[in-house]
Structures are given as structure tokens and as C-alpha cells.
Amino acid sequence: MDNGTTAVGYLRLKEFNALARKDLAIAIKRLSDMGATYFVLDLRDNLGGLVQAGVEITKLFLDEGSTVISTVGRDSEPQDIVSAGATPLVSAPLIVLVNNKTASASEIVASALHDNCKAVLVGEKTYGKGLIQSVFELSDGSGLVVTVGKYVTKNHTDINGNGIPPDFRNLPAWSDVTQRLSECRRQSSTAMF
């Protein structure tokens, strides 16, 4: 997309599968080579998929050491189990489009980018699916699904049953995006001290 003064790269992810990270990295590189200086990541109607694929995609945008997601088990103490480990592929301002069908791994990606001050969320409140479940096979071939924990955002907000609210309902001007991200970074650095 090009709005006359700003070249915007549009990226749509329909699901998180084993190829999603590789495909998205290729698309980002192509759009960057074409002059994109801002990006829109569309996660609307993305019901999730492989959580690990979502985590790996998030790492394309986050600085080294940034927390992607935390988990909470029976002891109720959040564990920061996943952190970004390399220099981000993209440092440009990012809009993530979300709606009420943005769920599970999509919510992990959206919240990680938002809470690490890399993106603003635009659209509707997300679905609110943040459970960690294990499937145990029974002797008759059926299975038993047991909830063993839940995902919480970097800021320890419980995703499950709550969803993630957007920053904006409608597409904002890029100046509003950069201002919101600057405010987020300023608040984050103040909270550290």
C-alpha cells in the first residue's frame, strides 16, 4: 500500500502453521525491498494454530531479551518462559489488525507486540483464548483434554475469557501510531526505575 507519502507493507496471516514464520519473513523482506517503511499485520479471523509458530513470528519484531509470553500453572506465579533472542527483522512502526475472531496464538502475537511497544492494536477486542491444554490418550483410543495452565501477557494480563482490547477502533494516522508507541516506550522505561 502507498498512501501518497508513506509506503505501507500489508501482511495477512490466516493461521499459524509450520511455514508461517518463513513465509512472513520472506514477505517482510520483499515489502522492505519495495520501500515499505510501515507495516500492517492483519490477524483478523485468525483462530490461532501452532503456538510455537506464533512465538517465532513474534520474535521477528521484538528486541533481544523481550518477553513474548508468560505462563501460569497451578502455583499462580507467572513464568516468563519465552523471550526473543535475536535482532528483530523489522523495527518499523506496526499496526496489528484484530477482531473477535483473533484467538489463541494470534492473541499471543498481538499482546507481545503491543506490550513490548512495537505495535498498536486496531479493530475489536480479541476472542480471549489463552489456555494451555494437554491431550491424554485413553486405552480405547479416545482422548482426554486437560487444562494445565494459561497464557498471560508480558504485563501479566489474563488473556483467557478476557481478550485484548484494541488501542483504536479505526485505522489511525501514522503520526498517532508513532506517538502511541513513543508513549508506551516512555511509560515502560519509567516503570523499570
N, C-alpha and C. Protein backbone atom coordinates (compact mmCIF):
# COMPACT_ATOMS: atom_id res chain seq x y z
N MET A 1 0.85 -1.18 0.00
CA MET A 1 0.00 0.00 0.00
C MET A 1 0.89 1.23 0.00
N ASP A 2 0.42 2.28 -0.63
CA ASP A 2 1.12 3.55 -0.62
C ASP A 2 0.06 4.63 -0.51
N ASN A 3 0.10 5.40 0.56
CA ASN A 3 -0.93 6.42 0.75
C ASN A 3 -0.49 7.77 0.21
N GLY A 4 0.48 7.78 -0.66
CA GLY A 4 0.95 9.02 -1.26
C GLY A 4 2.27 9.49 -0.69
N THR A 5 2.46 9.35 0.60
CA THR A 5 3.70 9.79 1.23
C THR A 5 4.38 8.67 2.00
N THR A 6 3.62 7.67 2.40
CA THR A 6 4.15 6.60 3.23
C THR A 6 3.90 5.26 2.56
N ALA A 7 4.95 4.49 2.35
CA ALA A 7 4.80 3.15 1.79
C ALA A 7 4.52 2.18 2.93
N VAL A 8 3.38 1.50 2.85
CA VAL A 8 2.94 0.60 3.91
C VAL A 8 2.91 -0.83 3.39
N GLY A 9 3.58 -1.73 4.10
CA GLY A 9 3.56 -3.15 3.75
C GLY A 9 2.42 -3.84 4.49
N TYR A 10 1.56 -4.51 3.74
CA TYR A 10 0.41 -5.22 4.32
C TYR A 10 0.72 -6.72 4.37
N LEU A 11 0.59 -7.29 5.57
CA LEU A 11 0.87 -8.71 5.79
C LEU A 11 -0.36 -9.36 6.41
N ARG A 12 -0.86 -10.43 5.80
CA ARG A 12 -2.03 -11.13 6.35
C ARG A 12 -1.64 -12.54 6.73
N LEU A 13 -1.98 -12.92 7.96
CA LEU A 13 -1.76 -14.29 8.43
C LEU A 13 -3.10 -14.92 8.74
N LYS A 14 -3.43 -16.00 8.04
CA LYS A 14 -4.71 -16.67 8.27
C LYS A 14 -4.62 -17.71 9.36
N GLU A 15 -3.42 -18.28 9.57
CA GLU A 15 -3.22 -19.27 10.62
C GLU A 15 -1.73 -19.37 10.92
N PHE A 16 -1.42 -19.96 12.06
CA PHE A 16 -0.03 -20.17 12.44
C PHE A 16 0.31 -21.64 12.23
N ASN A 17 1.02 -21.90 11.12
CA ASN A 17 1.43 -23.27 10.82
C ASN A 17 2.96 -23.32 10.77
N ALA A 18 3.49 -24.47 10.44
CA ALA A 18 4.94 -24.68 10.46
C ALA A 18 5.69 -23.78 9.48
N LEU A 19 5.03 -23.31 8.42
CA LEU A 19 5.69 -22.48 7.42
C LEU A 19 5.46 -20.98 7.62
N ALA A 20 4.63 -20.62 8.58
CA ALA A 20 4.21 -19.22 8.73
C ALA A 20 5.38 -18.27 8.95
N ARG A 21 6.33 -18.62 9.81
CA ARG A 21 7.45 -17.72 10.09
C ARG A 21 8.29 -17.49 8.85
N LYS A 22 8.63 -18.56 8.16
CA LYS A 22 9.46 -18.45 6.96
C LYS A 22 8.75 -17.61 5.90
N ASP A 23 7.47 -17.90 5.67
CA ASP A 23 6.71 -17.16 4.66
C ASP A 23 6.58 -15.68 5.02
N LEU A 24 6.36 -15.39 6.30
CA LEU A 24 6.23 -14.00 6.72
C LEU A 24 7.56 -13.27 6.59
N ALA A 25 8.66 -13.91 6.95
CA ALA A 25 9.98 -13.28 6.83
C ALA A 25 10.28 -12.93 5.37
N ILE A 26 9.93 -13.83 4.45
CA ILE A 26 10.13 -13.56 3.02
C ILE A 26 9.28 -12.37 2.58
N ALA A 27 8.03 -12.33 3.01
CA ALA A 27 7.13 -11.24 2.63
C ALA A 27 7.63 -9.90 3.19
N ILE A 28 8.10 -9.90 4.42
CA ILE A 28 8.63 -8.67 5.03
C ILE A 28 9.83 -8.17 4.24
N LYS A 29 10.72 -9.07 3.89
CA LYS A 29 11.92 -8.70 3.12
C LYS A 29 11.52 -8.10 1.77
N ARG A 30 10.58 -8.75 1.08
CA ARG A 30 10.14 -8.23 -0.23
C ARG A 30 9.52 -6.84 -0.10
N LEU A 31 8.64 -6.67 0.90
CA LEU A 31 7.99 -5.38 1.09
C LEU A 31 9.01 -4.30 1.48
N SER A 32 9.97 -4.66 2.30
CA SER A 32 11.03 -3.71 2.67
C SER A 32 11.84 -3.31 1.45
N ASP A 33 12.17 -4.29 0.61
CA ASP A 33 12.92 -4.01 -0.62
C ASP A 33 12.13 -3.10 -1.56
N MET A 34 10.79 -3.16 -1.47
CA MET A 34 9.93 -2.31 -2.30
C MET A 34 9.72 -0.93 -1.68
N GLY A 35 10.31 -0.70 -0.50
CA GLY A 35 10.25 0.62 0.11
C GLY A 35 9.30 0.79 1.28
N ALA A 36 8.72 -0.29 1.78
CA ALA A 36 7.80 -0.17 2.91
C ALA A 36 8.53 0.36 4.14
N THR A 37 7.97 1.38 4.74
CA THR A 37 8.55 1.96 5.95
C THR A 37 7.65 1.76 7.16
N TYR A 38 6.44 1.32 6.93
CA TYR A 38 5.47 0.97 7.97
C TYR A 38 4.85 -0.35 7.57
N PHE A 39 4.32 -1.09 8.57
CA PHE A 39 3.71 -2.38 8.28
C PHE A 39 2.37 -2.53 9.00
N VAL A 40 1.46 -3.24 8.33
CA VAL A 40 0.19 -3.64 8.91
C VAL A 40 0.18 -5.16 8.91
N LEU A 41 0.00 -5.75 10.10
CA LEU A 41 -0.11 -7.21 10.24
C LEU A 41 -1.57 -7.51 10.55
N ASP A 42 -2.23 -8.20 9.63
CA ASP A 42 -3.66 -8.48 9.75
C ASP A 42 -3.87 -9.86 10.37
N LEU A 43 -4.35 -9.87 11.62
CA LEU A 43 -4.65 -11.12 12.32
C LEU A 43 -6.15 -11.31 12.51
N ARG A 44 -6.96 -10.54 11.79
CA ARG A 44 -8.40 -10.71 11.91
C ARG A 44 -8.80 -12.09 11.40
N ASP A 45 -9.73 -12.69 12.10
CA ASP A 45 -10.25 -14.02 11.75
C ASP A 45 -9.19 -15.12 11.81
N ASN A 46 -8.08 -14.86 12.46
CA ASN A 46 -7.04 -15.87 12.64
C ASN A 46 -7.28 -16.54 13.99
N LEU A 47 -7.75 -17.78 13.94
CA LEU A 47 -8.11 -18.50 15.16
C LEU A 47 -6.92 -19.12 15.87
N GLY A 48 -5.73 -18.94 15.33
CA GLY A 48 -4.53 -19.44 16.00
C GLY A 48 -3.81 -20.49 15.19
N GLY A 49 -3.54 -21.61 15.83
CA GLY A 49 -2.76 -22.67 15.21
C GLY A 49 -1.65 -23.07 16.15
N LEU A 50 -0.46 -23.27 15.61
CA LEU A 50 0.68 -23.69 16.41
C LEU A 50 1.20 -22.52 17.25
N VAL A 51 1.13 -22.66 18.55
CA VAL A 51 1.60 -21.59 19.44
C VAL A 51 3.07 -21.29 19.18
N GLN A 52 3.89 -22.32 18.97
CA GLN A 52 5.32 -22.10 18.73
C GLN A 52 5.55 -21.28 17.46
N ALA A 53 4.72 -21.47 16.44
CA ALA A 53 4.83 -20.67 15.22
C ALA A 53 4.53 -19.20 15.53
N GLY A 54 3.53 -18.97 16.36
CA GLY A 54 3.22 -17.60 16.77
C GLY A 54 4.36 -16.96 17.54
N VAL A 55 4.96 -17.72 18.43
CA VAL A 55 6.10 -17.22 19.21
C VAL A 55 7.25 -16.86 18.27
N GLU A 56 7.54 -17.73 17.31
CA GLU A 56 8.64 -17.48 16.37
C GLU A 56 8.37 -16.26 15.50
N ILE A 57 7.13 -16.06 15.09
CA ILE A 57 6.77 -14.88 14.30
C ILE A 57 6.97 -13.62 15.13
N THR A 58 6.56 -13.66 16.37
CA THR A 58 6.71 -12.50 17.25
C THR A 58 8.18 -12.10 17.36
N LYS A 59 9.06 -13.08 17.39
CA LYS A 59 10.50 -12.80 17.51
C LYS A 59 11.06 -12.03 16.31
N LEU A 60 10.34 -12.04 15.17
CA LEU A 60 10.78 -11.27 14.01
C LEU A 60 10.73 -9.77 14.29
N PHE A 61 9.91 -9.37 15.26
CA PHE A 61 9.66 -7.96 15.52
C PHE A 61 10.26 -7.45 16.84
N LEU A 62 10.59 -8.36 17.76
CA LEU A 62 10.99 -7.96 19.11
C LEU A 62 12.50 -7.85 19.28
N ASP A 63 12.90 -6.97 20.18
CA ASP A 63 14.31 -6.81 20.52
C ASP A 63 14.78 -8.00 21.36
N GLU A 64 16.06 -8.26 21.30
CA GLU A 64 16.66 -9.34 22.08
C GLU A 64 16.33 -9.17 23.56
N GLY A 65 15.90 -10.26 24.19
CA GLY A 65 15.57 -10.25 25.60
C GLY A 65 14.14 -9.86 25.93
N SER A 66 13.36 -9.46 24.93
CA SER A 66 11.96 -9.08 25.16
C SER A 66 11.13 -10.31 25.47
N THR A 67 10.25 -10.20 26.45
CA THR A 67 9.37 -11.31 26.80
C THR A 67 8.24 -11.41 25.79
N VAL A 68 8.02 -12.62 25.26
CA VAL A 68 6.93 -12.86 24.32
C VAL A 68 5.65 -13.17 25.08
N ILE A 69 5.72 -14.10 26.01
CA ILE A 69 4.53 -14.55 26.73
C ILE A 69 4.94 -15.14 28.07
N SER A 70 4.02 -15.14 29.00
CA SER A 70 4.23 -15.79 30.30
C SER A 70 3.17 -16.87 30.46
N THR A 71 3.48 -17.85 31.28
CA THR A 71 2.50 -18.90 31.57
C THR A 71 2.24 -18.94 33.07
N VAL A 72 1.05 -19.40 33.41
CA VAL A 72 0.68 -19.57 34.81
C VAL A 72 0.13 -20.98 34.96
N GLY A 73 0.68 -21.71 35.91
CA GLY A 73 0.20 -23.07 36.21
C GLY A 73 -0.54 -23.08 37.53
N ARG A 74 -0.47 -24.20 38.21
CA ARG A 74 -1.19 -24.35 39.48
C ARG A 74 -0.72 -23.40 40.57
N ASP A 75 0.57 -23.03 40.54
CA ASP A 75 1.09 -22.19 41.62
C ASP A 75 0.75 -20.70 41.47
N SER A 76 0.11 -20.33 40.39
CA SER A 76 -0.35 -18.96 40.12
C SER A 76 0.76 -17.93 39.96
N GLU A 77 2.01 -18.35 39.91
CA GLU A 77 3.12 -17.43 39.69
C GLU A 77 3.46 -17.41 38.21
N PRO A 78 3.39 -16.24 37.56
CA PRO A 78 3.73 -16.17 36.14
C PRO A 78 5.19 -16.56 35.89
N GLN A 79 5.41 -17.33 34.85
CA GLN A 79 6.76 -17.72 34.43
C GLN A 79 7.01 -17.16 33.04
N ASP A 80 8.01 -16.28 32.91
CA ASP A 80 8.38 -15.76 31.60
C ASP A 80 9.21 -16.83 30.92
N ILE A 81 8.55 -17.63 30.11
CA ILE A 81 9.24 -18.77 29.54
C ILE A 81 9.79 -18.53 28.15
N VAL A 82 9.31 -17.52 27.47
CA VAL A 82 9.72 -17.33 26.10
C VAL A 82 10.19 -15.89 25.91
N SER A 83 11.43 -15.73 25.50
CA SER A 83 11.97 -14.40 25.23
C SER A 83 12.58 -14.38 23.85
N ALA A 84 12.52 -13.22 23.23
CA ALA A 84 13.12 -13.06 21.91
C ALA A 84 14.64 -13.18 22.05
N GLY A 85 15.29 -13.71 21.02
CA GLY A 85 16.71 -13.99 21.16
C GLY A 85 17.62 -13.37 20.13
N ALA A 86 17.12 -12.56 19.24
CA ALA A 86 17.99 -12.01 18.20
C ALA A 86 17.54 -10.60 17.84
N THR A 87 18.29 -9.98 16.95
CA THR A 87 17.93 -8.66 16.46
C THR A 87 16.67 -8.78 15.61
N PRO A 88 15.70 -7.88 15.78
CA PRO A 88 14.46 -8.00 15.01
C PRO A 88 14.68 -7.77 13.51
N LEU A 89 13.87 -8.45 12.72
CA LEU A 89 13.90 -8.27 11.27
C LEU A 89 13.28 -6.93 10.89
N VAL A 90 12.30 -6.49 11.69
CA VAL A 90 11.57 -5.26 11.43
C VAL A 90 11.62 -4.36 12.66
N SER A 91 11.96 -3.10 12.45
CA SER A 91 11.90 -2.14 13.55
C SER A 91 10.93 -1.01 13.23
N ALA A 92 10.28 -1.10 12.08
CA ALA A 92 9.33 -0.07 11.64
C ALA A 92 8.06 -0.10 12.49
N PRO A 93 7.37 1.04 12.58
CA PRO A 93 6.09 1.06 13.29
C PRO A 93 5.11 0.05 12.68
N LEU A 94 4.30 -0.54 13.54
CA LEU A 94 3.44 -1.65 13.15
C LEU A 94 2.03 -1.46 13.68
N ILE A 95 1.06 -1.71 12.81
CA ILE A 95 -0.34 -1.81 13.21
C ILE A 95 -0.71 -3.27 13.13
N VAL A 96 -1.35 -3.80 14.17
CA VAL A 96 -1.87 -5.16 14.14
C VAL A 96 -3.39 -5.06 14.14
N LEU A 97 -4.02 -5.59 13.09
CA LEU A 97 -5.47 -5.60 12.98
C LEU A 97 -6.02 -6.82 13.70
N VAL A 98 -6.99 -6.62 14.60
CA VAL A 98 -7.58 -7.70 15.38
C VAL A 98 -9.10 -7.57 15.39
N ASN A 99 -9.77 -8.72 15.64
CA ASN A 99 -11.21 -8.70 15.83
C ASN A 99 -11.61 -9.79 16.81
N ASN A 100 -12.91 -10.03 16.93
CA ASN A 100 -13.39 -11.01 17.90
C ASN A 100 -13.12 -12.46 17.48
N LYS A 101 -12.53 -12.65 16.32
CA LYS A 101 -12.11 -13.99 15.88
C LYS A 101 -10.59 -14.11 15.85
N THR A 102 -9.91 -13.16 16.46
CA THR A 102 -8.47 -13.25 16.66
C THR A 102 -8.29 -14.01 17.97
N ALA A 103 -7.74 -15.23 17.89
CA ALA A 103 -7.72 -16.09 19.08
C ALA A 103 -6.40 -16.83 19.24
N SER A 104 -6.17 -17.28 20.46
CA SER A 104 -5.10 -18.21 20.80
C SER A 104 -3.72 -17.67 20.40
N ALA A 105 -3.03 -18.34 19.49
CA ALA A 105 -1.68 -17.90 19.09
C ALA A 105 -1.70 -16.48 18.54
N SER A 106 -2.79 -16.09 17.88
CA SER A 106 -2.90 -14.72 17.37
C SER A 106 -2.91 -13.71 18.50
N GLU A 107 -3.55 -14.07 19.61
CA GLU A 107 -3.59 -13.17 20.76
C GLU A 107 -2.22 -13.08 21.43
N ILE A 108 -1.48 -14.18 21.41
CA ILE A 108 -0.11 -14.16 21.94
C ILE A 108 0.74 -13.18 21.14
N VAL A 109 0.65 -13.27 19.81
CA VAL A 109 1.41 -12.37 18.94
C VAL A 109 0.99 -10.92 19.16
N ALA A 110 -0.31 -10.67 19.11
CA ALA A 110 -0.81 -9.30 19.26
C ALA A 110 -0.40 -8.69 20.60
N SER A 111 -0.55 -9.45 21.68
CA SER A 111 -0.22 -8.91 23.01
C SER A 111 1.28 -8.70 23.17
N ALA A 112 2.09 -9.60 22.64
CA ALA A 112 3.55 -9.45 22.75
C ALA A 112 4.04 -8.21 22.01
N LEU A 113 3.54 -8.01 20.80
CA LEU A 113 3.95 -6.84 20.03
C LEU A 113 3.45 -5.56 20.70
N HIS A 114 2.24 -5.60 21.22
CA HIS A 114 1.66 -4.44 21.90
C HIS A 114 2.40 -4.13 23.20
N ASP A 115 2.56 -5.12 24.06
CA ASP A 115 3.14 -4.89 25.39
C ASP A 115 4.63 -4.56 25.34
N ASN A 116 5.29 -4.90 24.23
CA ASN A 116 6.70 -4.55 24.05
C ASN A 116 6.86 -3.26 23.24
N CYS A 117 5.76 -2.53 23.08
CA CYS A 117 5.76 -1.21 22.43
C CYS A 117 6.23 -1.26 20.98
N LYS A 118 5.90 -2.34 20.29
CA LYS A 118 6.25 -2.49 18.88
C LYS A 118 5.06 -2.27 17.95
N ALA A 119 3.83 -2.33 18.50
CA ALA A 119 2.64 -2.23 17.66
C ALA A 119 1.47 -1.63 18.43
N VAL A 120 0.57 -1.02 17.67
CA VAL A 120 -0.74 -0.65 18.22
C VAL A 120 -1.74 -1.65 17.67
N LEU A 121 -2.78 -1.91 18.45
CA LEU A 121 -3.83 -2.83 18.03
C LEU A 121 -5.02 -2.01 17.53
N VAL A 122 -5.56 -2.43 16.38
CA VAL A 122 -6.66 -1.71 15.77
C VAL A 122 -7.77 -2.69 15.44
N GLY A 123 -9.01 -2.33 15.80
CA GLY A 123 -10.17 -3.15 15.46
C GLY A 123 -11.08 -3.39 16.63
N GLU A 124 -11.28 -4.68 16.95
CA GLU A 124 -12.19 -5.09 18.02
C GLU A 124 -11.41 -5.86 19.08
N LYS A 125 -12.03 -6.01 20.23
CA LYS A 125 -11.47 -6.83 21.30
C LYS A 125 -11.32 -8.26 20.78
N THR A 126 -10.20 -8.92 21.13
CA THR A 126 -9.95 -10.28 20.65
C THR A 126 -10.80 -11.30 21.40
N TYR A 127 -10.76 -12.54 20.93
CA TYR A 127 -11.64 -13.61 21.43
C TYR A 127 -11.44 -13.95 22.90
N GLY A 128 -10.21 -14.13 23.32
CA GLY A 128 -9.93 -14.47 24.72
C GLY A 128 -9.70 -15.94 24.98
N LYS A 129 -8.83 -16.57 24.16
CA LYS A 129 -8.48 -17.99 24.37
C LYS A 129 -7.01 -18.07 24.75
N GLY A 130 -6.76 -18.35 26.01
CA GLY A 130 -5.38 -18.39 26.47
C GLY A 130 -5.07 -19.58 27.35
N LEU A 131 -5.68 -20.72 27.06
CA LEU A 131 -5.44 -21.91 27.88
C LEU A 131 -4.32 -22.77 27.31
N ILE A 132 -3.60 -23.43 28.20
CA ILE A 132 -2.60 -24.44 27.82
C ILE A 132 -3.24 -25.78 28.14
N GLN A 133 -3.39 -26.60 27.11
CA GLN A 133 -4.08 -27.88 27.31
C GLN A 133 -3.21 -29.03 26.84
N SER A 134 -3.33 -30.15 27.54
CA SER A 134 -2.65 -31.39 27.16
C SER A 134 -3.71 -32.43 26.84
N VAL A 135 -3.41 -33.26 25.86
CA VAL A 135 -4.32 -34.35 25.48
C VAL A 135 -3.69 -35.66 25.93
N PHE A 136 -4.46 -36.43 26.68
CA PHE A 136 -4.01 -37.73 27.15
C PHE A 136 -4.82 -38.80 26.44
N GLU A 137 -4.10 -39.71 25.76
CA GLU A 137 -4.78 -40.78 25.04
C GLU A 137 -5.25 -41.85 26.02
N LEU A 138 -6.49 -42.27 25.85
CA LEU A 138 -7.07 -43.31 26.70
C LEU A 138 -6.95 -44.66 26.00
N SER A 139 -7.09 -45.74 26.76
CA SER A 139 -6.90 -47.09 26.22
C SER A 139 -7.87 -47.43 25.10
N ASP A 140 -9.02 -46.81 25.06
CA ASP A 140 -9.99 -47.11 24.00
C ASP A 140 -9.76 -46.27 22.74
N GLY A 141 -8.68 -45.48 22.72
CA GLY A 141 -8.35 -44.67 21.55
C GLY A 141 -8.88 -43.25 21.62
N SER A 142 -9.76 -42.99 22.55
CA SER A 142 -10.26 -41.62 22.72
C SER A 142 -9.22 -40.81 23.49
N GLY A 143 -9.52 -39.55 23.70
CA GLY A 143 -8.58 -38.69 24.40
C GLY A 143 -9.26 -37.87 25.46
N LEU A 144 -8.48 -37.43 26.41
CA LEU A 144 -8.94 -36.58 27.48
C LEU A 144 -8.13 -35.29 27.43
N VAL A 145 -8.83 -34.16 27.28
CA VAL A 145 -8.16 -32.86 27.23
C VAL A 145 -8.20 -32.26 28.63
N VAL A 146 -7.01 -31.92 29.13
CA VAL A 146 -6.89 -31.36 30.47
C VAL A 146 -6.20 -30.00 30.38
N THR A 147 -6.80 -29.01 31.01
CA THR A 147 -6.18 -27.69 31.08
C THR A 147 -5.10 -27.72 32.16
N VAL A 148 -3.87 -27.36 31.76
CA VAL A 148 -2.74 -27.43 32.70
C VAL A 148 -2.17 -26.05 33.03
N GLY A 149 -2.68 -25.03 32.38
CA GLY A 149 -2.19 -23.68 32.65
C GLY A 149 -2.86 -22.69 31.73
N LYS A 150 -2.36 -21.47 31.76
CA LYS A 150 -2.89 -20.44 30.87
C LYS A 150 -1.77 -19.48 30.50
N TYR A 151 -2.00 -18.78 29.41
CA TYR A 151 -1.07 -17.75 28.96
C TYR A 151 -1.52 -16.41 29.52
N VAL A 152 -0.55 -15.62 29.93
CA VAL A 152 -0.81 -14.24 30.32
C VAL A 152 0.17 -13.36 29.55
N THR A 153 -0.21 -12.12 29.33
CA THR A 153 0.64 -11.23 28.55
C THR A 153 1.90 -10.87 29.33
N LYS A 154 2.81 -10.21 28.65
CA LYS A 154 4.04 -9.75 29.30
C LYS A 154 3.72 -8.93 30.54
N ASN A 155 2.62 -8.17 30.47
CA ASN A 155 2.20 -7.33 31.59
C ASN A 155 1.31 -8.09 32.57
N HIS A 156 1.27 -9.42 32.44
CA HIS A 156 0.53 -10.34 33.32
C HIS A 156 -0.99 -10.15 33.27
N THR A 157 -1.50 -9.75 32.11
CA THR A 157 -2.94 -9.68 31.89
C THR A 157 -3.41 -11.04 31.41
N ASP A 158 -4.45 -11.56 32.05
CA ASP A 158 -5.01 -12.86 31.70
C ASP A 158 -5.78 -12.74 30.39
N ILE A 159 -5.34 -13.44 29.36
CA ILE A 159 -5.99 -13.41 28.05
C ILE A 159 -7.30 -14.19 28.10
N ASN A 160 -7.29 -15.34 28.77
CA ASN A 160 -8.41 -16.27 28.69
C ASN A 160 -9.71 -15.68 29.25
N GLY A 161 -10.72 -15.69 28.40
CA GLY A 161 -12.03 -15.18 28.79
C GLY A 161 -12.14 -13.67 28.77
N ASN A 162 -11.01 -13.00 28.59
CA ASN A 162 -11.00 -11.54 28.62
C ASN A 162 -10.72 -10.91 27.26
N GLY A 163 -9.87 -11.54 26.48
CA GLY A 163 -9.45 -10.94 25.23
C GLY A 163 -8.53 -9.75 25.46
N ILE A 164 -8.13 -9.13 24.37
CA ILE A 164 -7.23 -7.99 24.42
C ILE A 164 -7.93 -6.82 23.73
N PRO A 165 -8.11 -5.71 24.42
CA PRO A 165 -8.78 -4.57 23.79
C PRO A 165 -7.85 -3.85 22.82
N PRO A 166 -8.41 -3.28 21.74
CA PRO A 166 -7.59 -2.53 20.80
C PRO A 166 -7.25 -1.14 21.34
N ASP A 167 -6.22 -0.54 20.77
CA ASP A 167 -5.88 0.85 21.07
C ASP A 167 -6.80 1.80 20.31
N PHE A 168 -7.15 1.39 19.09
CA PHE A 168 -8.00 2.19 18.22
C PHE A 168 -9.06 1.29 17.59
N ARG A 169 -10.26 1.81 17.39
CA ARG A 169 -11.31 1.05 16.69
C ARG A 169 -11.11 1.13 15.17
N ASN A 170 -10.67 2.28 14.69
CA ASN A 170 -10.48 2.52 13.26
C ASN A 170 -9.02 2.84 12.99
N LEU A 171 -8.61 2.67 11.74
CA LEU A 171 -7.22 2.94 11.38
C LEU A 171 -6.82 4.36 11.74
N PRO A 172 -5.78 4.51 12.53
CA PRO A 172 -5.31 5.85 12.91
C PRO A 172 -4.32 6.39 11.88
N ALA A 173 -4.03 7.66 11.99
CA ALA A 173 -2.95 8.25 11.19
C ALA A 173 -1.63 7.69 11.71
N TRP A 174 -0.63 7.58 10.82
CA TRP A 174 0.65 7.03 11.25
C TRP A 174 1.29 7.88 12.34
N SER A 175 1.01 9.18 12.32
CA SER A 175 1.56 10.04 13.39
C SER A 175 0.98 9.64 14.75
N ASP A 176 -0.29 9.22 14.78
CA ASP A 176 -0.89 8.74 16.03
C ASP A 176 -0.27 7.41 16.47
N VAL A 177 0.07 6.57 15.49
CA VAL A 177 0.72 5.29 15.80
C VAL A 177 2.08 5.54 16.44
N THR A 178 2.90 6.35 15.80
CA THR A 178 4.24 6.60 16.34
C THR A 178 4.17 7.32 17.69
N GLN A 179 3.20 8.20 17.86
CA GLN A 179 3.03 8.88 19.16
C GLN A 179 2.66 7.87 20.24
N ARG A 180 1.72 6.96 19.95
CA ARG A 180 1.30 5.96 20.94
C ARG A 180 2.47 5.04 21.30
N LEU A 181 3.26 4.63 20.30
CA LEU A 181 4.40 3.76 20.58
C LEU A 181 5.47 4.48 21.40
N SER A 182 5.68 5.76 21.12
CA SER A 182 6.64 6.56 21.92
C SER A 182 6.17 6.66 23.36
N GLU A 183 4.88 6.91 23.56
CA GLU A 183 4.33 6.98 24.92
C GLU A 183 4.51 5.65 25.64
N CYS A 184 4.27 4.56 24.94
CA CYS A 184 4.42 3.22 25.51
C CYS A 184 5.86 3.00 25.97
N ARG A 185 6.82 3.33 25.11
CA ARG A 185 8.23 3.15 25.46
C ARG A 185 8.62 4.03 26.65
N ARG A 186 8.10 5.24 26.67
CA ARG A 186 8.40 6.15 27.78
C ARG A 186 7.83 5.59 29.09
N GLN A 187 6.60 5.09 29.06
CA GLN A 187 6.00 4.50 30.26
C GLN A 187 6.74 3.25 30.70
N SER A 188 7.17 2.44 29.73
CA SER A 188 7.90 1.21 30.05
C SER A 188 9.24 1.52 30.71
N SER A 189 9.94 2.52 30.19
CA SER A 189 11.24 2.86 30.78
C SER A 189 11.07 3.48 32.16
N THR A 190 10.00 4.23 32.37
CA THR A 190 9.72 4.80 33.68
C THR A 190 9.37 3.71 34.68
N ALA A 191 8.64 2.69 34.24
CA ALA A 191 8.23 1.60 35.12
C ALA A 191 9.42 0.76 35.58
N MET A 192 10.51 0.76 34.81
CA MET A 192 11.69 -0.02 35.15
C MET A 192 12.45 0.58 36.33
N PHE A 193 12.30 1.88 36.53
CA PHE A 193 13.08 2.56 37.58
C PHE A 193 12.26 2.80 38.81
